[in-house]
C-alpha atoms as a PDB file:
ATOM      1  CA  UNK A   1     -35.114 -47.689  22.554  1.00  0.00           C
ATOM      2  CA  UNK A   2     -37.004 -48.283  19.261  1.00  0.00           C
ATOM      3  CA  UNK A   3     -40.828 -48.221  19.336  1.00  0.00           C
ATOM      4  CA  UNK A   4     -41.153 -52.015  18.348  1.00  0.00           C
ATOM      5  CA  UNK A   5     -39.183 -52.964  21.406  1.00  0.00           C
ATOM      6  CA  UNK A   6     -40.806 -50.433  23.736  1.00  0.00           C
ATOM      7  CA  UNK A   7     -44.332 -51.808  22.877  1.00  0.00           C
ATOM      8  CA  UNK A   8     -43.338 -54.964  24.320  1.00  0.00           C
ATOM      9  CA  UNK A   9     -42.619 -53.559  27.873  1.00  0.00           C
ATOM     10  CA  UNK A  10     -45.724 -53.823  29.825  1.00  0.00           C
ATOM     11  CA  UNK A  11     -46.888 -53.277  33.360  1.00  0.00           C
ATOM     12  CA  UNK A  12     -49.974 -55.121  34.524  1.00  0.00           C
ATOM     13  CA  UNK A  13     -51.937 -53.553  37.102  1.00  0.00           C
ATOM     14  CA  UNK A  14     -55.318 -54.584  38.719  1.00  0.00           C
ATOM     15  CA  UNK A  15     -57.942 -51.733  40.379  1.00  0.00           C
ATOM     16  CA  UNK A  16     -60.462 -52.594  42.690  1.00  0.00           C
ATOM     17  CA  UNK A  17     -62.794 -50.444  44.650  1.00  0.00           C
ATOM     18  CA  UNK A  18     -62.456 -51.181  48.290  1.00  0.00           C
ATOM     19  CA  UNK A  19     -65.452 -49.342  49.468  1.00  0.00           C
ATOM     20  CA  UNK A  20     -67.280 -46.114  48.338  1.00  0.00           C
ATOM     21  CA  UNK A  21     -64.387 -43.777  47.904  1.00  0.00           C
ATOM     22  CA  UNK A  22     -61.574 -45.985  48.270  1.00  0.00           C
ATOM     23  CA  UNK A  23     -59.455 -47.377  45.144  1.00  0.00           C
ATOM     24  CA  UNK A  24     -56.728 -50.108  45.548  1.00  0.00           C
ATOM     25  CA  UNK A  25     -54.099 -50.502  42.655  1.00  0.00           C
ATOM     26  CA  UNK A  26     -52.037 -53.322  42.604  1.00  0.00           C
ATOM     27  CA  UNK A  27     -48.928 -53.853  40.262  1.00  0.00           C
ATOM     28  CA  UNK A  28     -49.324 -57.744  39.259  1.00  0.00           C
ATOM     29  CA  UNK A  29     -46.663 -57.961  36.662  1.00  0.00           C
ATOM     30  CA  UNK A  30     -43.675 -56.310  34.763  1.00  0.00           C
ATOM     31  CA  UNK A  31     -42.313 -57.401  31.575  1.00  0.00           C
ATOM     32  CA  UNK A  32     -39.190 -56.126  29.743  1.00  0.00           C
ATOM     33  CA  UNK A  33     -38.002 -57.056  26.294  1.00  0.00           C
ATOM     34  CA  UNK A  34     -34.807 -59.894  26.998  1.00  0.00           C
ATOM     35  CA  UNK A  35     -32.834 -58.209  24.231  1.00  0.00           C
ATOM     36  CA  UNK A  36     -32.629 -54.935  26.297  1.00  0.00           C
ATOM     37  CA  UNK A  37     -31.148 -56.443  29.211  1.00  0.00           C
ATOM     38  CA  UNK A  38     -27.443 -57.254  29.872  1.00  0.00           C
ATOM     39  CA  UNK A  39     -27.045 -61.080  30.382  1.00  0.00           C
ATOM     40  CA  UNK A  40     -25.351 -60.665  33.980  1.00  0.00           C
ATOM     41  CA  UNK A  41     -28.307 -58.537  34.859  1.00  0.00           C
ATOM     42  CA  UNK A  42     -31.058 -61.022  33.431  1.00  0.00           C
ATOM     43  CA  UNK A  43     -29.400 -63.854  35.279  1.00  0.00           C
ATOM     44  CA  UNK A  44     -29.603 -61.879  38.710  1.00  0.00           C
ATOM     45  CA  UNK A  45     -33.435 -61.307  38.373  1.00  0.00           C
ATOM     46  CA  UNK A  46     -35.200 -63.770  40.249  1.00  0.00           C
ATOM     47  CA  UNK A  47     -38.896 -62.221  40.276  1.00  0.00           C
ATOM     48  CA  UNK A  48     -40.524 -59.686  37.939  1.00  0.00           C
ATOM     49  CA  UNK A  49     -40.761 -56.915  40.565  1.00  0.00           C
ATOM     50  CA  UNK A  50     -36.771 -56.862  40.620  1.00  0.00           C
ATOM     51  CA  UNK A  51     -37.088 -55.299  37.360  1.00  0.00           C
ATOM     52  CA  UNK A  52     -38.597 -52.170  38.634  1.00  0.00           C
ATOM     53  CA  UNK A  53     -36.650 -49.317  40.215  1.00  0.00           C
ATOM     54  CA  UNK A  54     -39.927 -47.335  41.223  1.00  0.00           C
ATOM     55  CA  UNK A  55     -43.563 -46.729  40.388  1.00  0.00           C
ATOM     56  CA  UNK A  56     -45.679 -43.560  40.763  1.00  0.00           C
ATOM     57  CA  UNK A  57     -49.362 -42.958  40.532  1.00  0.00           C
ATOM     58  CA  UNK A  58     -51.285 -39.763  39.451  1.00  0.00           C
ATOM     59  CA  UNK A  59     -54.667 -40.304  40.824  1.00  0.00           C
ATOM     60  CA  UNK A  60     -56.463 -37.788  38.905  1.00  0.00           C
ATOM     61  CA  UNK A  61     -55.007 -37.191  35.692  1.00  0.00           C
ATOM     62  CA  UNK A  62     -56.243 -34.262  33.458  1.00  0.00           C
ATOM     63  CA  UNK A  63     -54.602 -35.317  30.253  1.00  0.00           C
ATOM     64  CA  UNK A  64     -51.874 -33.105  30.969  1.00  0.00           C
ATOM     65  CA  UNK A  65     -48.615 -33.466  33.022  1.00  0.00           C
ATOM     66  CA  UNK A  66     -48.123 -36.373  35.014  1.00  0.00           C
ATOM     67  CA  UNK A  67     -48.467 -35.434  38.599  1.00  0.00           C
ATOM     68  CA  UNK A  68     -46.598 -37.754  40.971  1.00  0.00           C
ATOM     69  CA  UNK A  69     -49.028 -38.065  44.094  1.00  0.00           C
ATOM     70  CA  UNK A  70     -47.743 -41.291  45.245  1.00  0.00           C
ATOM     71  CA  UNK A  71     -44.625 -43.330  44.588  1.00  0.00           C
ATOM     72  CA  UNK A  72     -42.646 -46.303  45.886  1.00  0.00           C
ATOM     73  CA  UNK A  73     -38.983 -47.337  45.166  1.00  0.00           C
ATOM     74  CA  UNK A  74     -36.491 -49.778  46.414  1.00  0.00           C
ATOM     75  CA  UNK A  75     -33.577 -48.705  48.393  1.00  0.00           C
ATOM     76  CA  UNK A  76     -30.258 -50.420  49.143  1.00  0.00           C
ATOM     77  CA  UNK A  77     -31.568 -51.159  52.548  1.00  0.00           C
ATOM     78  CA  UNK A  78     -34.625 -52.840  51.317  1.00  0.00           C
ATOM     79  CA  UNK A  79     -34.940 -54.304  48.044  1.00  0.00           C
ATOM     80  CA  UNK A  80     -38.690 -54.861  48.646  1.00  0.00           C
ATOM     81  CA  UNK A  81     -40.942 -53.019  46.471  1.00  0.00           C
ATOM     82  CA  UNK A  82     -44.600 -52.104  47.684  1.00  0.00           C
ATOM     83  CA  UNK A  83     -46.856 -53.539  44.999  1.00  0.00           C
ATOM     84  CA  UNK A  84     -50.162 -52.382  46.247  1.00  0.00           C
ATOM     85  CA  UNK A  85     -51.543 -48.974  47.285  1.00  0.00           C
ATOM     86  CA  UNK A  86     -54.772 -47.593  48.188  1.00  0.00           C
ATOM     87  CA  UNK A  87     -56.273 -44.142  47.585  1.00  0.00           C
ATOM     88  CA  UNK A  88     -59.329 -42.189  49.222  1.00  0.00           C
ATOM     89  CA  UNK A  89     -61.081 -39.897  46.804  1.00  0.00           C
ATOM     90  CA  UNK A  90     -62.729 -36.701  48.201  1.00  0.00           C
ATOM     91  CA  UNK A  91     -65.991 -36.931  45.737  1.00  0.00           C
ATOM     92  CA  UNK A  92     -67.540 -39.418  43.641  1.00  0.00           C
ATOM     93  CA  UNK A  93     -66.730 -39.364  40.007  1.00  0.00           C
ATOM     94  CA  UNK A  94     -64.625 -40.867  37.038  1.00  0.00           C
ATOM     95  CA  UNK A  95     -61.247 -40.749  37.392  1.00  0.00           C
ATOM     96  CA  UNK A  96     -58.162 -41.258  35.009  1.00  0.00           C
ATOM     97  CA  UNK A  97     -55.488 -43.030  37.037  1.00  0.00           C
ATOM     98  CA  UNK A  98     -51.911 -42.934  35.507  1.00  0.00           C
ATOM     99  CA  UNK A  99     -49.271 -45.446  36.688  1.00  0.00           C
ATOM    100  CA  UNK A 100     -45.723 -44.861  35.746  1.00  0.00           C
ATOM    101  CA  UNK A 101     -43.123 -47.626  35.987  1.00  0.00           C
ATOM    102  CA  UNK A 102     -39.681 -46.931  35.836  1.00  0.00           C
ATOM    103  CA  UNK A 103     -37.405 -50.187  35.319  1.00  0.00           C
ATOM    104  CA  UNK A 104     -33.639 -50.609  36.311  1.00  0.00           C
ATOM    105  CA  UNK A 105     -32.555 -49.470  33.005  1.00  0.00           C
ATOM    106  CA  UNK A 106     -34.016 -46.090  33.364  1.00  0.00           C
ATOM    107  CA  UNK A 107     -36.918 -46.940  30.798  1.00  0.00           C
ATOM    108  CA  UNK A 108     -40.588 -45.733  31.775  1.00  0.00           C
ATOM    109  CA  UNK A 109     -43.685 -47.413  30.871  1.00  0.00           C
ATOM    110  CA  UNK A 110     -46.910 -45.662  31.462  1.00  0.00           C
ATOM    111  CA  UNK A 111     -50.589 -47.135  31.644  1.00  0.00           C
ATOM    112  CA  UNK A 112     -53.864 -45.298  31.932  1.00  0.00           C
ATOM    113  CA  UNK A 113     -56.723 -46.771  33.829  1.00  0.00           C
ATOM    114  CA  UNK A 114     -60.374 -45.276  34.253  1.00  0.00           C
ATOM    115  CA  UNK A 115     -62.208 -45.722  37.796  1.00  0.00           C
ATOM    116  CA  UNK A 116     -65.484 -44.895  38.684  1.00  0.00           C
ATOM    117  CA  UNK A 117     -65.608 -43.783  42.277  1.00  0.00           C
ATOM    118  CA  UNK A 118     -69.363 -44.352  43.752  1.00  0.00           C
ATOM    119  CA  UNK A 119     -70.884 -41.665  46.246  1.00  0.00           C
END
């Protein structure tokens, strides 16, 4: 996929501290460039979450390799995709949370969020 098209693919997330050491992450939207999608696939999609095959989270990325510490994916039995996850940190501090979304065409979109966990 060329860089211009890739830049238009985006995942929208919301991060909310739920209490002292818990952080809730919600995937709220996913957009893929329409010219990258076969017409029959595009017609079958009724909700933005159907574009997503799976998504994963690295809760404490150290600017190195993505560490898949949590993931959810759709299966043939269940087409539903979990869109919210809560994580409990062991210690207060600032953390880099990396979210990786893999779409049904096999492309991945990555977003880094900074969260501050209070004591």
